[in-house]
N, C-alpha and C. Protein backbone atom coordinates (compact mmCIF):
# COMPACT_ATOMS: atom_id res chain seq x y z
N MET A 1 118.20 120.55 73.47
CA MET A 1 117.94 121.93 73.90
C MET A 1 118.38 122.87 72.80
N SER A 2 117.53 123.73 72.35
CA SER A 2 117.85 124.59 71.21
C SER A 2 118.11 126.01 71.66
N ASN A 3 118.85 126.76 70.80
CA ASN A 3 119.14 128.17 71.09
C ASN A 3 117.88 129.00 71.12
N ALA A 4 116.84 128.54 70.41
CA ALA A 4 115.61 129.33 70.34
C ALA A 4 114.96 129.49 71.70
N LYS A 5 115.22 128.56 72.61
CA LYS A 5 114.64 128.65 73.95
C LYS A 5 115.36 129.65 74.83
N PHE A 6 116.52 130.13 74.39
CA PHE A 6 117.31 131.06 75.18
C PHE A 6 117.67 132.27 74.31
N PRO A 7 116.68 133.11 73.93
CA PRO A 7 116.96 134.26 73.06
C PRO A 7 117.88 135.26 73.73
N LYS A 8 118.91 135.70 72.98
CA LYS A 8 119.84 136.73 73.43
C LYS A 8 120.53 136.37 74.74
N LEU A 9 120.73 135.06 74.96
CA LEU A 9 121.40 134.66 76.18
C LEU A 9 122.84 135.14 76.21
N LEU A 10 123.52 135.04 75.08
CA LEU A 10 124.90 135.48 74.97
C LEU A 10 125.02 136.42 73.76
N ASP A 11 125.18 137.71 74.01
CA ASP A 11 125.34 138.70 72.95
C ASP A 11 126.83 139.03 72.86
N TYR A 12 127.54 138.37 71.94
CA TYR A 12 128.99 138.51 71.85
C TYR A 12 129.40 139.97 71.59
N THR A 13 128.72 140.62 70.68
CA THR A 13 129.10 141.99 70.30
C THR A 13 129.00 142.93 71.49
N ALA A 14 127.86 142.86 72.22
CA ALA A 14 127.68 143.73 73.38
C ALA A 14 128.73 143.45 74.44
N LEU A 15 129.02 142.16 74.63
CA LEU A 15 130.01 141.80 75.63
C LEU A 15 131.40 142.32 75.25
N GLN A 16 131.73 142.27 73.99
CA GLN A 16 133.03 142.77 73.54
C GLN A 16 133.11 144.28 73.72
N GLN A 17 132.02 144.99 73.46
CA GLN A 17 132.02 146.46 73.61
C GLN A 17 132.18 146.84 75.07
N GLU A 18 131.52 146.08 75.95
CA GLU A 18 131.63 146.38 77.38
C GLU A 18 133.08 146.23 77.87
N LEU A 19 133.77 145.29 77.26
CA LEU A 19 135.15 145.04 77.67
C LEU A 19 136.16 145.83 76.84
N ASN A 20 135.61 146.75 75.99
CA ASN A 20 136.47 147.58 75.14
C ASN A 20 137.39 146.74 74.28
N ASP A 21 136.86 145.65 73.79
CA ASP A 21 137.67 144.76 72.95
C ASP A 21 137.50 145.13 71.48
N ASP A 22 138.58 145.04 70.76
CA ASP A 22 138.55 145.17 69.31
C ASP A 22 138.35 143.77 68.75
N PRO A 23 137.32 143.56 67.93
CA PRO A 23 137.05 142.22 67.41
C PRO A 23 138.24 141.59 66.72
N THR A 24 139.22 142.41 66.33
CA THR A 24 140.38 141.85 65.60
C THR A 24 141.51 141.46 66.52
N THR A 25 141.39 141.83 67.82
CA THR A 25 142.49 141.53 68.74
C THR A 25 142.49 140.08 69.13
N GLU A 26 143.65 139.63 69.65
CA GLU A 26 143.79 138.24 70.07
C GLU A 26 142.90 137.95 71.27
N ALA A 27 142.81 138.96 72.22
CA ALA A 27 142.00 138.75 73.42
C ALA A 27 140.55 138.54 73.04
N SER A 28 140.09 139.34 72.05
CA SER A 28 138.71 139.22 71.63
C SER A 28 138.47 137.85 71.00
N THR A 29 139.42 137.39 70.23
CA THR A 29 139.29 136.07 69.59
C THR A 29 139.19 134.98 70.64
N ASP A 30 140.01 135.11 71.72
CA ASP A 30 139.97 134.14 72.81
C ASP A 30 138.62 134.13 73.48
N LEU A 31 138.05 135.34 73.69
CA LEU A 31 136.75 135.45 74.34
C LEU A 31 135.67 134.79 73.48
N SER A 32 135.70 135.08 72.20
CA SER A 32 134.71 134.50 71.30
C SER A 32 134.81 132.98 71.28
N THR A 33 136.07 132.51 71.26
CA THR A 33 136.28 131.06 71.26
C THR A 33 135.74 130.43 72.53
N HIS A 34 135.97 131.10 73.67
CA HIS A 34 135.51 130.59 74.96
C HIS A 34 133.98 130.54 75.01
N LEU A 35 133.35 131.62 74.54
CA LEU A 35 131.89 131.67 74.58
C LEU A 35 131.28 130.64 73.64
N ALA A 36 131.95 130.41 72.53
CA ALA A 36 131.47 129.39 71.59
C ALA A 36 131.55 128.01 72.24
N GLU A 37 132.59 127.78 73.05
CA GLU A 37 132.73 126.51 73.75
C GLU A 37 131.62 126.34 74.79
N VAL A 38 131.28 127.48 75.44
CA VAL A 38 130.18 127.44 76.42
C VAL A 38 128.89 127.06 75.73
N ASP A 39 128.64 127.70 74.57
CA ASP A 39 127.44 127.38 73.78
C ASP A 39 127.42 125.90 73.43
N ALA A 40 128.56 125.39 73.01
CA ALA A 40 128.64 123.99 72.59
C ALA A 40 128.33 123.06 73.75
N LEU A 41 128.75 123.48 74.96
CA LEU A 41 128.52 122.66 76.15
C LEU A 41 127.05 122.62 76.53
N TYR A 42 126.42 123.81 76.54
CA TYR A 42 125.05 123.90 77.03
C TYR A 42 123.99 123.57 75.99
N PHE A 43 124.34 123.69 74.73
CA PHE A 43 123.33 123.48 73.69
C PHE A 43 123.63 122.26 72.83
N ALA A 44 124.54 121.42 73.29
CA ALA A 44 124.87 120.22 72.52
C ALA A 44 123.66 119.30 72.45
N ASP A 45 123.50 118.67 71.31
CA ASP A 45 122.36 117.77 71.12
C ASP A 45 122.59 116.42 71.79
N GLU A 46 123.83 116.01 71.93
CA GLU A 46 124.13 114.71 72.49
C GLU A 46 123.95 114.72 74.00
N PRO A 47 123.32 113.68 74.58
CA PRO A 47 123.09 113.63 76.03
C PRO A 47 124.38 113.45 76.80
N ILE A 48 124.34 113.89 78.06
CA ILE A 48 125.50 113.72 78.94
C ILE A 48 125.61 112.24 79.30
N PRO A 49 126.79 111.64 79.22
CA PRO A 49 126.93 110.21 79.53
C PRO A 49 126.49 109.90 80.95
N LYS A 50 125.83 108.75 81.15
CA LYS A 50 125.38 108.36 82.47
C LYS A 50 126.55 107.83 83.30
N ALA A 51 126.38 107.94 84.62
CA ALA A 51 127.42 107.46 85.52
C ALA A 51 127.52 105.95 85.43
N THR A 52 128.70 105.43 85.64
CA THR A 52 128.92 103.99 85.60
C THR A 52 128.16 103.32 86.73
N GLY A 53 127.55 102.16 86.46
CA GLY A 53 126.78 101.44 87.48
C GLY A 53 127.65 100.88 88.58
N LEU A 54 127.00 100.50 89.67
CA LEU A 54 127.72 99.98 90.83
C LEU A 54 127.98 98.48 90.68
N THR A 55 129.10 98.06 91.21
CA THR A 55 129.44 96.63 91.21
C THR A 55 130.42 96.36 92.35
N GLY A 56 130.58 95.10 92.70
CA GLY A 56 131.56 94.72 93.72
C GLY A 56 131.34 95.41 95.06
N SER A 57 132.44 95.93 95.63
CA SER A 57 132.39 96.54 96.96
C SER A 57 131.54 97.81 96.99
N ARG A 58 131.49 98.52 95.87
CA ARG A 58 130.68 99.74 95.81
C ARG A 58 129.19 99.40 95.91
N LEU A 59 128.78 98.34 95.24
CA LEU A 59 127.39 97.89 95.31
C LEU A 59 127.06 97.40 96.71
N ARG A 60 127.97 96.65 97.30
CA ARG A 60 127.76 96.14 98.66
C ARG A 60 127.64 97.29 99.66
N SER A 61 128.51 98.28 99.54
CA SER A 61 128.47 99.43 100.45
C SER A 61 127.17 100.20 100.30
N TYR A 62 126.72 100.34 99.05
CA TYR A 62 125.46 101.04 98.82
C TYR A 62 124.29 100.26 99.43
N ALA A 63 124.31 98.95 99.30
CA ALA A 63 123.26 98.11 99.87
C ALA A 63 123.20 98.25 101.39
N PHE A 64 124.38 98.27 102.03
CA PHE A 64 124.42 98.47 103.48
C PHE A 64 123.86 99.84 103.85
N ALA A 65 124.22 100.86 103.07
CA ALA A 65 123.74 102.21 103.34
C ALA A 65 122.22 102.29 103.24
N VAL A 66 121.68 101.62 102.25
CA VAL A 66 120.22 101.60 102.04
C VAL A 66 119.53 100.95 103.25
N LEU A 67 120.09 99.84 103.72
CA LEU A 67 119.45 99.11 104.82
C LEU A 67 119.62 99.79 106.18
N THR A 68 120.56 100.71 106.29
CA THR A 68 120.70 101.43 107.56
C THR A 68 119.60 102.48 107.70
N ARG A 69 119.00 102.88 106.59
CA ARG A 69 117.95 103.90 106.65
C ARG A 69 116.62 103.31 107.09
N ARG A 70 116.27 102.14 106.55
CA ARG A 70 115.03 101.46 106.95
C ARG A 70 115.06 100.03 106.45
N GLU A 71 114.09 99.24 106.90
CA GLU A 71 113.98 97.86 106.47
C GLU A 71 113.33 97.81 105.08
N TYR A 72 113.86 96.94 104.23
CA TYR A 72 113.30 96.73 102.89
C TYR A 72 112.93 95.26 102.74
N SER A 73 111.84 94.99 102.04
CA SER A 73 111.54 93.61 101.69
C SER A 73 112.58 93.16 100.67
N LYS A 74 112.70 91.87 100.50
CA LYS A 74 113.68 91.33 99.56
C LYS A 74 113.43 91.85 98.14
N ALA A 75 112.16 91.84 97.73
CA ALA A 75 111.80 92.31 96.39
C ALA A 75 112.11 93.79 96.21
N GLU A 76 111.81 94.58 97.24
CA GLU A 76 112.08 96.03 97.18
C GLU A 76 113.58 96.30 97.05
N LEU A 77 114.36 95.57 97.86
CA LEU A 77 115.82 95.80 97.86
C LEU A 77 116.42 95.43 96.51
N ILE A 78 115.95 94.36 95.93
CA ILE A 78 116.44 93.94 94.61
C ILE A 78 116.19 95.04 93.58
N GLU A 79 114.97 95.55 93.56
CA GLU A 79 114.62 96.57 92.56
C GLU A 79 115.39 97.87 92.80
N LYS A 80 115.59 98.23 94.05
CA LYS A 80 116.31 99.47 94.35
C LYS A 80 117.77 99.37 93.93
N LEU A 81 118.41 98.26 94.25
CA LEU A 81 119.82 98.09 93.89
C LEU A 81 119.99 97.94 92.38
N ALA A 82 119.04 97.29 91.74
CA ALA A 82 119.13 97.05 90.30
C ALA A 82 119.13 98.35 89.50
N LEU A 83 118.58 99.41 90.09
CA LEU A 83 118.57 100.72 89.41
C LEU A 83 119.98 101.25 89.19
N TYR A 84 120.90 100.88 90.07
CA TYR A 84 122.25 101.45 90.04
C TYR A 84 123.34 100.43 89.74
N ALA A 85 122.96 99.16 89.67
CA ALA A 85 123.96 98.11 89.48
C ALA A 85 124.23 97.83 88.01
N VAL A 86 125.40 97.30 87.75
CA VAL A 86 125.77 96.90 86.39
C VAL A 86 125.05 95.61 86.01
N ASP A 87 125.01 94.68 86.95
CA ASP A 87 124.53 93.33 86.65
C ASP A 87 123.43 92.93 87.64
N ARG A 88 122.24 92.63 87.13
CA ARG A 88 121.13 92.23 87.99
C ARG A 88 121.43 90.92 88.72
N GLU A 89 122.14 90.01 88.05
CA GLU A 89 122.48 88.74 88.69
C GLU A 89 123.33 88.96 89.94
N GLU A 90 124.22 89.93 89.86
CA GLU A 90 125.04 90.26 91.03
C GLU A 90 124.17 90.77 92.17
N VAL A 91 123.16 91.55 91.82
CA VAL A 91 122.22 92.07 92.82
C VAL A 91 121.47 90.91 93.49
N LEU A 92 120.98 89.98 92.70
CA LEU A 92 120.23 88.84 93.25
C LEU A 92 121.08 88.02 94.22
N LYS A 93 122.33 87.78 93.85
CA LYS A 93 123.23 87.02 94.72
C LYS A 93 123.53 87.79 96.01
N LEU A 94 123.72 89.11 95.87
CA LEU A 94 124.03 89.92 97.05
C LEU A 94 122.85 89.97 98.01
N VAL A 95 121.65 90.13 97.49
CA VAL A 95 120.47 90.19 98.35
C VAL A 95 120.21 88.84 99.02
N ASP A 96 120.45 87.75 98.29
CA ASP A 96 120.32 86.42 98.91
C ASP A 96 121.32 86.26 100.06
N GLU A 97 122.51 86.76 99.85
CA GLU A 97 123.54 86.70 100.90
C GLU A 97 123.12 87.52 102.12
N PHE A 98 122.61 88.72 101.86
CA PHE A 98 122.17 89.59 102.96
C PHE A 98 121.02 88.95 103.74
N ALA A 99 120.11 88.29 103.01
CA ALA A 99 118.98 87.62 103.67
C ALA A 99 119.47 86.46 104.52
N ALA A 100 120.44 85.70 104.01
CA ALA A 100 121.00 84.55 104.73
C ALA A 100 121.70 85.00 106.01
N GLN A 101 122.33 86.19 105.95
CA GLN A 101 123.03 86.72 107.12
C GLN A 101 122.14 87.60 108.00
N ASN A 102 120.86 87.69 107.64
CA ASN A 102 119.85 88.42 108.40
C ASN A 102 120.04 89.94 108.38
N TYR A 103 120.84 90.43 107.42
CA TYR A 103 120.91 91.88 107.24
C TYR A 103 119.60 92.38 106.65
N GLN A 104 119.00 91.53 105.82
CA GLN A 104 117.69 91.81 105.26
C GLN A 104 116.75 90.70 105.73
N SER A 105 115.51 91.09 106.11
CA SER A 105 114.58 90.09 106.62
C SER A 105 113.14 90.46 106.27
N ASP A 106 112.51 89.61 105.48
CA ASP A 106 111.09 89.80 105.19
C ASP A 106 110.26 89.62 106.45
N GLN A 107 110.72 88.78 107.36
CA GLN A 107 110.02 88.57 108.63
C GLN A 107 109.94 89.87 109.41
N ARG A 108 111.06 90.57 109.53
CA ARG A 108 111.07 91.84 110.25
C ARG A 108 110.18 92.87 109.58
N VAL A 109 110.26 92.94 108.25
CA VAL A 109 109.44 93.89 107.51
C VAL A 109 107.96 93.60 107.75
N ALA A 110 107.58 92.33 107.72
CA ALA A 110 106.19 91.93 107.93
C ALA A 110 105.71 92.32 109.32
N GLU A 111 106.54 92.09 110.34
CA GLU A 111 106.17 92.42 111.71
C GLU A 111 106.03 93.93 111.91
N ILE A 112 106.94 94.68 111.30
CA ILE A 112 106.87 96.15 111.38
C ILE A 112 105.60 96.65 110.70
N MET A 113 105.29 96.08 109.54
CA MET A 113 104.10 96.49 108.81
C MET A 113 102.84 96.16 109.59
N LEU A 114 102.80 94.99 110.19
CA LEU A 114 101.63 94.59 110.98
C LEU A 114 101.38 95.59 112.11
N SER A 115 102.44 95.91 112.85
CA SER A 115 102.32 96.86 113.95
C SER A 115 101.88 98.23 113.46
N SER A 116 102.50 98.70 112.38
CA SER A 116 102.17 100.02 111.84
C SER A 116 100.75 100.09 111.31
N GLN A 117 100.33 99.06 110.58
CA GLN A 117 98.99 99.04 110.00
C GLN A 117 97.91 98.95 111.08
N LYS A 118 98.17 98.20 112.12
CA LYS A 118 97.20 98.10 113.22
C LYS A 118 97.04 99.44 113.93
N ARG A 119 98.16 100.16 114.12
CA ARG A 119 98.07 101.49 114.76
C ARG A 119 97.25 102.45 113.91
N ARG A 120 97.28 102.25 112.59
CA ARG A 120 96.54 103.12 111.68
C ARG A 120 95.10 102.64 111.45
N GLY A 121 94.68 101.64 112.22
CA GLY A 121 93.30 101.19 112.14
C GLY A 121 92.99 100.31 110.95
N LYS A 122 93.97 99.55 110.47
CA LYS A 122 93.75 98.69 109.32
C LYS A 122 93.47 97.26 109.80
N GLY A 123 92.53 96.61 109.10
CA GLY A 123 92.17 95.24 109.41
C GLY A 123 93.04 94.24 108.68
N PRO A 124 92.79 92.94 108.92
CA PRO A 124 93.66 91.89 108.36
C PRO A 124 93.70 91.86 106.84
N ASN A 125 92.59 92.15 106.18
CA ASN A 125 92.59 92.11 104.72
C ASN A 125 93.46 93.21 104.11
N ARG A 126 93.41 94.40 104.68
CA ARG A 126 94.26 95.50 104.18
C ARG A 126 95.73 95.21 104.48
N ILE A 127 96.00 94.60 105.61
CA ILE A 127 97.38 94.27 105.97
C ILE A 127 97.95 93.24 105.00
N LYS A 128 97.14 92.24 104.66
CA LYS A 128 97.59 91.22 103.71
C LYS A 128 97.84 91.83 102.33
N LEU A 129 97.01 92.78 101.93
CA LEU A 129 97.20 93.46 100.65
C LEU A 129 98.49 94.27 100.65
N ALA A 130 98.77 94.93 101.78
CA ALA A 130 99.99 95.73 101.90
C ALA A 130 101.23 94.83 101.82
N LEU A 131 101.16 93.66 102.44
CA LEU A 131 102.27 92.72 102.38
C LEU A 131 102.45 92.20 100.95
N LYS A 132 101.34 91.91 100.29
CA LYS A 132 101.38 91.41 98.91
C LYS A 132 102.03 92.43 97.98
N ALA A 133 101.74 93.72 98.22
CA ALA A 133 102.31 94.79 97.39
C ALA A 133 103.83 94.81 97.49
N LYS A 134 104.36 94.39 98.64
CA LYS A 134 105.81 94.34 98.83
C LYS A 134 106.36 92.94 98.56
N LYS A 135 105.50 92.06 98.03
CA LYS A 135 105.86 90.68 97.70
C LYS A 135 106.37 89.92 98.92
N ILE A 136 105.65 90.12 100.03
CA ILE A 136 105.96 89.42 101.27
C ILE A 136 104.84 88.43 101.55
N ASP A 137 105.19 87.20 101.89
CA ASP A 137 104.22 86.16 102.18
C ASP A 137 103.57 86.44 103.54
N SER A 138 102.25 86.57 103.56
CA SER A 138 101.55 86.89 104.81
C SER A 138 101.65 85.76 105.84
N SER A 139 102.05 84.55 105.37
CA SER A 139 102.20 83.44 106.31
C SER A 139 103.31 83.70 107.33
N LEU A 140 104.20 84.65 107.02
CA LEU A 140 105.28 84.99 107.95
C LEU A 140 104.74 85.54 109.27
N ILE A 141 103.55 86.13 109.22
CA ILE A 141 102.96 86.69 110.45
C ILE A 141 101.59 86.06 110.72
N GLN A 142 101.42 84.83 110.25
CA GLN A 142 100.13 84.14 110.39
C GLN A 142 99.71 84.05 111.86
N GLU A 143 100.66 83.70 112.72
CA GLU A 143 100.33 83.57 114.15
C GLU A 143 99.91 84.90 114.75
N GLU A 144 100.65 85.95 114.40
CA GLU A 144 100.31 87.29 114.92
C GLU A 144 98.94 87.73 114.44
N LEU A 145 98.61 87.41 113.20
CA LEU A 145 97.28 87.76 112.66
C LEU A 145 96.18 87.02 113.42
N LYS A 146 96.44 85.74 113.75
CA LYS A 146 95.45 84.93 114.47
C LYS A 146 95.28 85.41 115.91
N GLU A 147 96.37 85.86 116.50
CA GLU A 147 96.34 86.25 117.91
C GLU A 147 95.72 87.63 118.13
N THR A 148 95.62 88.43 117.10
CA THR A 148 95.05 89.77 117.23
C THR A 148 93.54 89.70 117.39
N ASP A 149 93.01 90.47 118.32
CA ASP A 149 91.56 90.54 118.54
C ASP A 149 90.98 91.54 117.54
N TRP A 150 90.63 91.05 116.35
CA TRP A 150 90.12 91.94 115.30
C TRP A 150 88.74 92.49 115.62
N HIS A 151 87.96 91.77 116.46
CA HIS A 151 86.65 92.28 116.87
C HIS A 151 86.84 93.55 117.70
N GLU A 152 87.80 93.51 118.59
CA GLU A 152 88.09 94.68 119.42
C GLU A 152 88.65 95.81 118.57
N GLN A 153 89.53 95.47 117.67
CA GLN A 153 90.12 96.49 116.78
C GLN A 153 89.02 97.19 115.97
N ALA A 154 88.11 96.41 115.42
CA ALA A 154 87.03 96.97 114.61
C ALA A 154 86.11 97.84 115.47
N TYR A 155 85.82 97.36 116.68
CA TYR A 155 84.93 98.13 117.56
C TYR A 155 85.55 99.47 117.95
N GLN A 156 86.82 99.46 118.32
CA GLN A 156 87.49 100.69 118.72
C GLN A 156 87.54 101.69 117.57
N LEU A 157 87.72 101.19 116.37
CA LEU A 157 87.75 102.07 115.20
C LEU A 157 86.36 102.64 114.93
N LYS A 158 85.34 101.79 115.09
CA LYS A 158 83.96 102.25 114.89
C LYS A 158 83.60 103.33 115.90
N VAL A 159 83.98 103.15 117.16
CA VAL A 159 83.69 104.15 118.20
C VAL A 159 84.42 105.45 117.91
N LYS A 160 85.66 105.35 117.49
CA LYS A 160 86.45 106.55 117.18
C LYS A 160 85.84 107.34 116.04
N LYS A 161 85.31 106.65 115.06
CA LYS A 161 84.76 107.31 113.87
C LYS A 161 83.30 107.72 114.04
N PHE A 162 82.49 106.84 114.66
CA PHE A 162 81.05 107.08 114.68
C PHE A 162 80.44 107.20 116.08
N GLY A 163 81.24 106.95 117.13
CA GLY A 163 80.69 106.99 118.47
C GLY A 163 80.25 105.62 118.94
N ALA A 164 79.92 105.51 120.23
CA ALA A 164 79.59 104.21 120.83
C ALA A 164 78.15 103.80 120.61
N ALA A 165 77.28 104.74 120.29
CA ALA A 165 75.85 104.43 120.13
C ALA A 165 75.64 103.46 118.96
N ILE A 166 74.65 102.55 119.13
CA ILE A 166 74.30 101.61 118.07
C ILE A 166 73.37 102.31 117.08
N GLU A 167 73.75 102.33 115.85
CA GLU A 167 72.97 103.02 114.82
C GLU A 167 71.77 102.17 114.41
N LYS A 168 70.60 102.80 114.40
CA LYS A 168 69.36 102.10 114.03
C LYS A 168 69.02 102.29 112.55
N GLU A 169 69.32 103.45 112.02
CA GLU A 169 68.96 103.75 110.64
C GLU A 169 69.80 102.92 109.67
N ALA A 170 69.14 102.25 108.75
CA ALA A 170 69.81 101.31 107.83
C ALA A 170 70.88 102.00 106.99
N LYS A 171 70.57 103.21 106.52
CA LYS A 171 71.52 103.93 105.65
C LYS A 171 72.81 104.25 106.40
N LEU A 172 72.68 104.70 107.65
CA LEU A 172 73.87 105.05 108.44
C LEU A 172 74.61 103.80 108.91
N LYS A 173 73.86 102.73 109.15
CA LYS A 173 74.49 101.47 109.52
C LYS A 173 75.32 100.93 108.35
N ALA A 174 74.76 101.06 107.15
CA ALA A 174 75.48 100.62 105.94
C ALA A 174 76.77 101.43 105.74
N LYS A 175 76.71 102.70 106.12
CA LYS A 175 77.90 103.56 106.02
C LYS A 175 79.00 103.04 106.93
N GLN A 176 78.64 102.61 108.12
CA GLN A 176 79.63 102.07 109.05
C GLN A 176 80.22 100.76 108.51
N VAL A 177 79.35 99.94 107.93
CA VAL A 177 79.81 98.66 107.37
C VAL A 177 80.82 98.92 106.25
N ARG A 178 80.47 99.85 105.35
CA ARG A 178 81.37 100.15 104.22
C ARG A 178 82.71 100.68 104.71
N PHE A 179 82.66 101.53 105.73
CA PHE A 179 83.90 102.11 106.28
C PHE A 179 84.81 101.02 106.82
N LEU A 180 84.25 100.11 107.60
CA LEU A 180 85.06 99.05 108.21
C LEU A 180 85.52 98.03 107.17
N MET A 181 84.71 97.80 106.15
CA MET A 181 85.14 96.91 105.07
C MET A 181 86.32 97.51 104.32
N TYR A 182 86.23 98.81 104.06
CA TYR A 182 87.32 99.50 103.37
C TYR A 182 88.60 99.43 104.19
N ARG A 183 88.46 99.49 105.50
CA ARG A 183 89.64 99.39 106.36
C ARG A 183 90.20 97.98 106.44
N GLY A 184 89.49 97.01 105.88
CA GLY A 184 90.05 95.66 105.78
C GLY A 184 89.58 94.66 106.82
N PHE A 185 88.45 94.92 107.46
CA PHE A 185 87.95 93.99 108.47
C PHE A 185 87.01 92.97 107.85
N GLU A 186 86.97 91.77 108.46
CA GLU A 186 86.06 90.72 108.02
C GLU A 186 84.64 91.08 108.45
N MET A 187 83.65 90.53 107.72
CA MET A 187 82.26 90.88 107.99
C MET A 187 81.83 90.48 109.40
N ASP A 188 82.32 89.37 109.89
CA ASP A 188 81.95 88.93 111.24
C ASP A 188 82.36 89.98 112.28
N ALA A 189 83.59 90.47 112.18
CA ALA A 189 84.08 91.48 113.11
C ALA A 189 83.30 92.79 112.94
N ILE A 190 82.95 93.12 111.71
CA ILE A 190 82.22 94.36 111.43
C ILE A 190 80.84 94.33 112.07
N MET A 191 80.10 93.26 111.87
CA MET A 191 78.73 93.18 112.40
C MET A 191 78.73 93.20 113.93
N LYS A 192 79.71 92.56 114.52
CA LYS A 192 79.79 92.59 115.99
C LYS A 192 80.16 93.99 116.48
N ALA A 193 81.01 94.68 115.73
CA ALA A 193 81.44 96.03 116.14
C ALA A 193 80.29 97.02 116.09
N ILE A 194 79.47 96.98 115.05
CA ILE A 194 78.42 97.99 114.89
C ILE A 194 77.18 97.69 115.75
N SER A 195 77.10 96.46 116.28
CA SER A 195 75.95 96.10 117.12
C SER A 195 76.31 95.95 118.58
N ARG A 196 77.56 96.18 118.90
CA ARG A 196 78.04 95.98 120.28
C ARG A 196 77.66 97.14 121.18
N LYS A 197 77.15 96.78 122.37
CA LYS A 197 76.83 97.79 123.38
C LYS A 197 78.04 97.97 124.30
N GLU A 198 78.16 99.17 124.83
CA GLU A 198 79.31 99.46 125.70
C GLU A 198 79.38 98.50 126.88
N GLU A 199 78.19 98.12 127.41
CA GLU A 199 78.18 97.28 128.60
C GLU A 199 78.41 95.81 128.28
N ASP A 200 78.53 95.46 126.99
CA ASP A 200 78.73 94.05 126.62
C ASP A 200 80.07 93.52 127.07
N PHE A 201 81.05 94.41 127.20
CA PHE A 201 82.40 93.96 127.57
C PHE A 201 82.91 94.73 128.77
């Protein structure tokens, strides 16, 4: 940070005149010295030293604090703690310990994500991608994925977006297909959703 960015920020002469100081007096010398120290503090070229990283009980306490706010995947927690820790190896051991004691659980994160993504109208493919982004194995919720009626999910989303009527025009039908594909539904569920009549079920 250079003085050029702060023109006339500190005008020593004007300040001394306002205080009726004689530049030769001891008080004036003290003021000048103090202001010079302020300049040195704010315009120093050397960066401010970074805070010491976390380790031991401080790292453990921080990890607990992080997990009380929300659930984190194992990979997410490692990266978050590593930002503030002294030693990455210590972070890896701590997260393994937390996972073993069930303080951290990829299973819970996966189940929460599945529920949340379904409420937001996302299909199985988008859910698997979301899990992959957090480095969570989708096999953790394989049974839940199989048990979900994705045909019904796709149909309800189609009705909410486009209405219950079956679209005859190819261009508009293709629009519905693209929308449901983007949301992560399989083609089988999509075709059944866009061709389903209200009285079919």
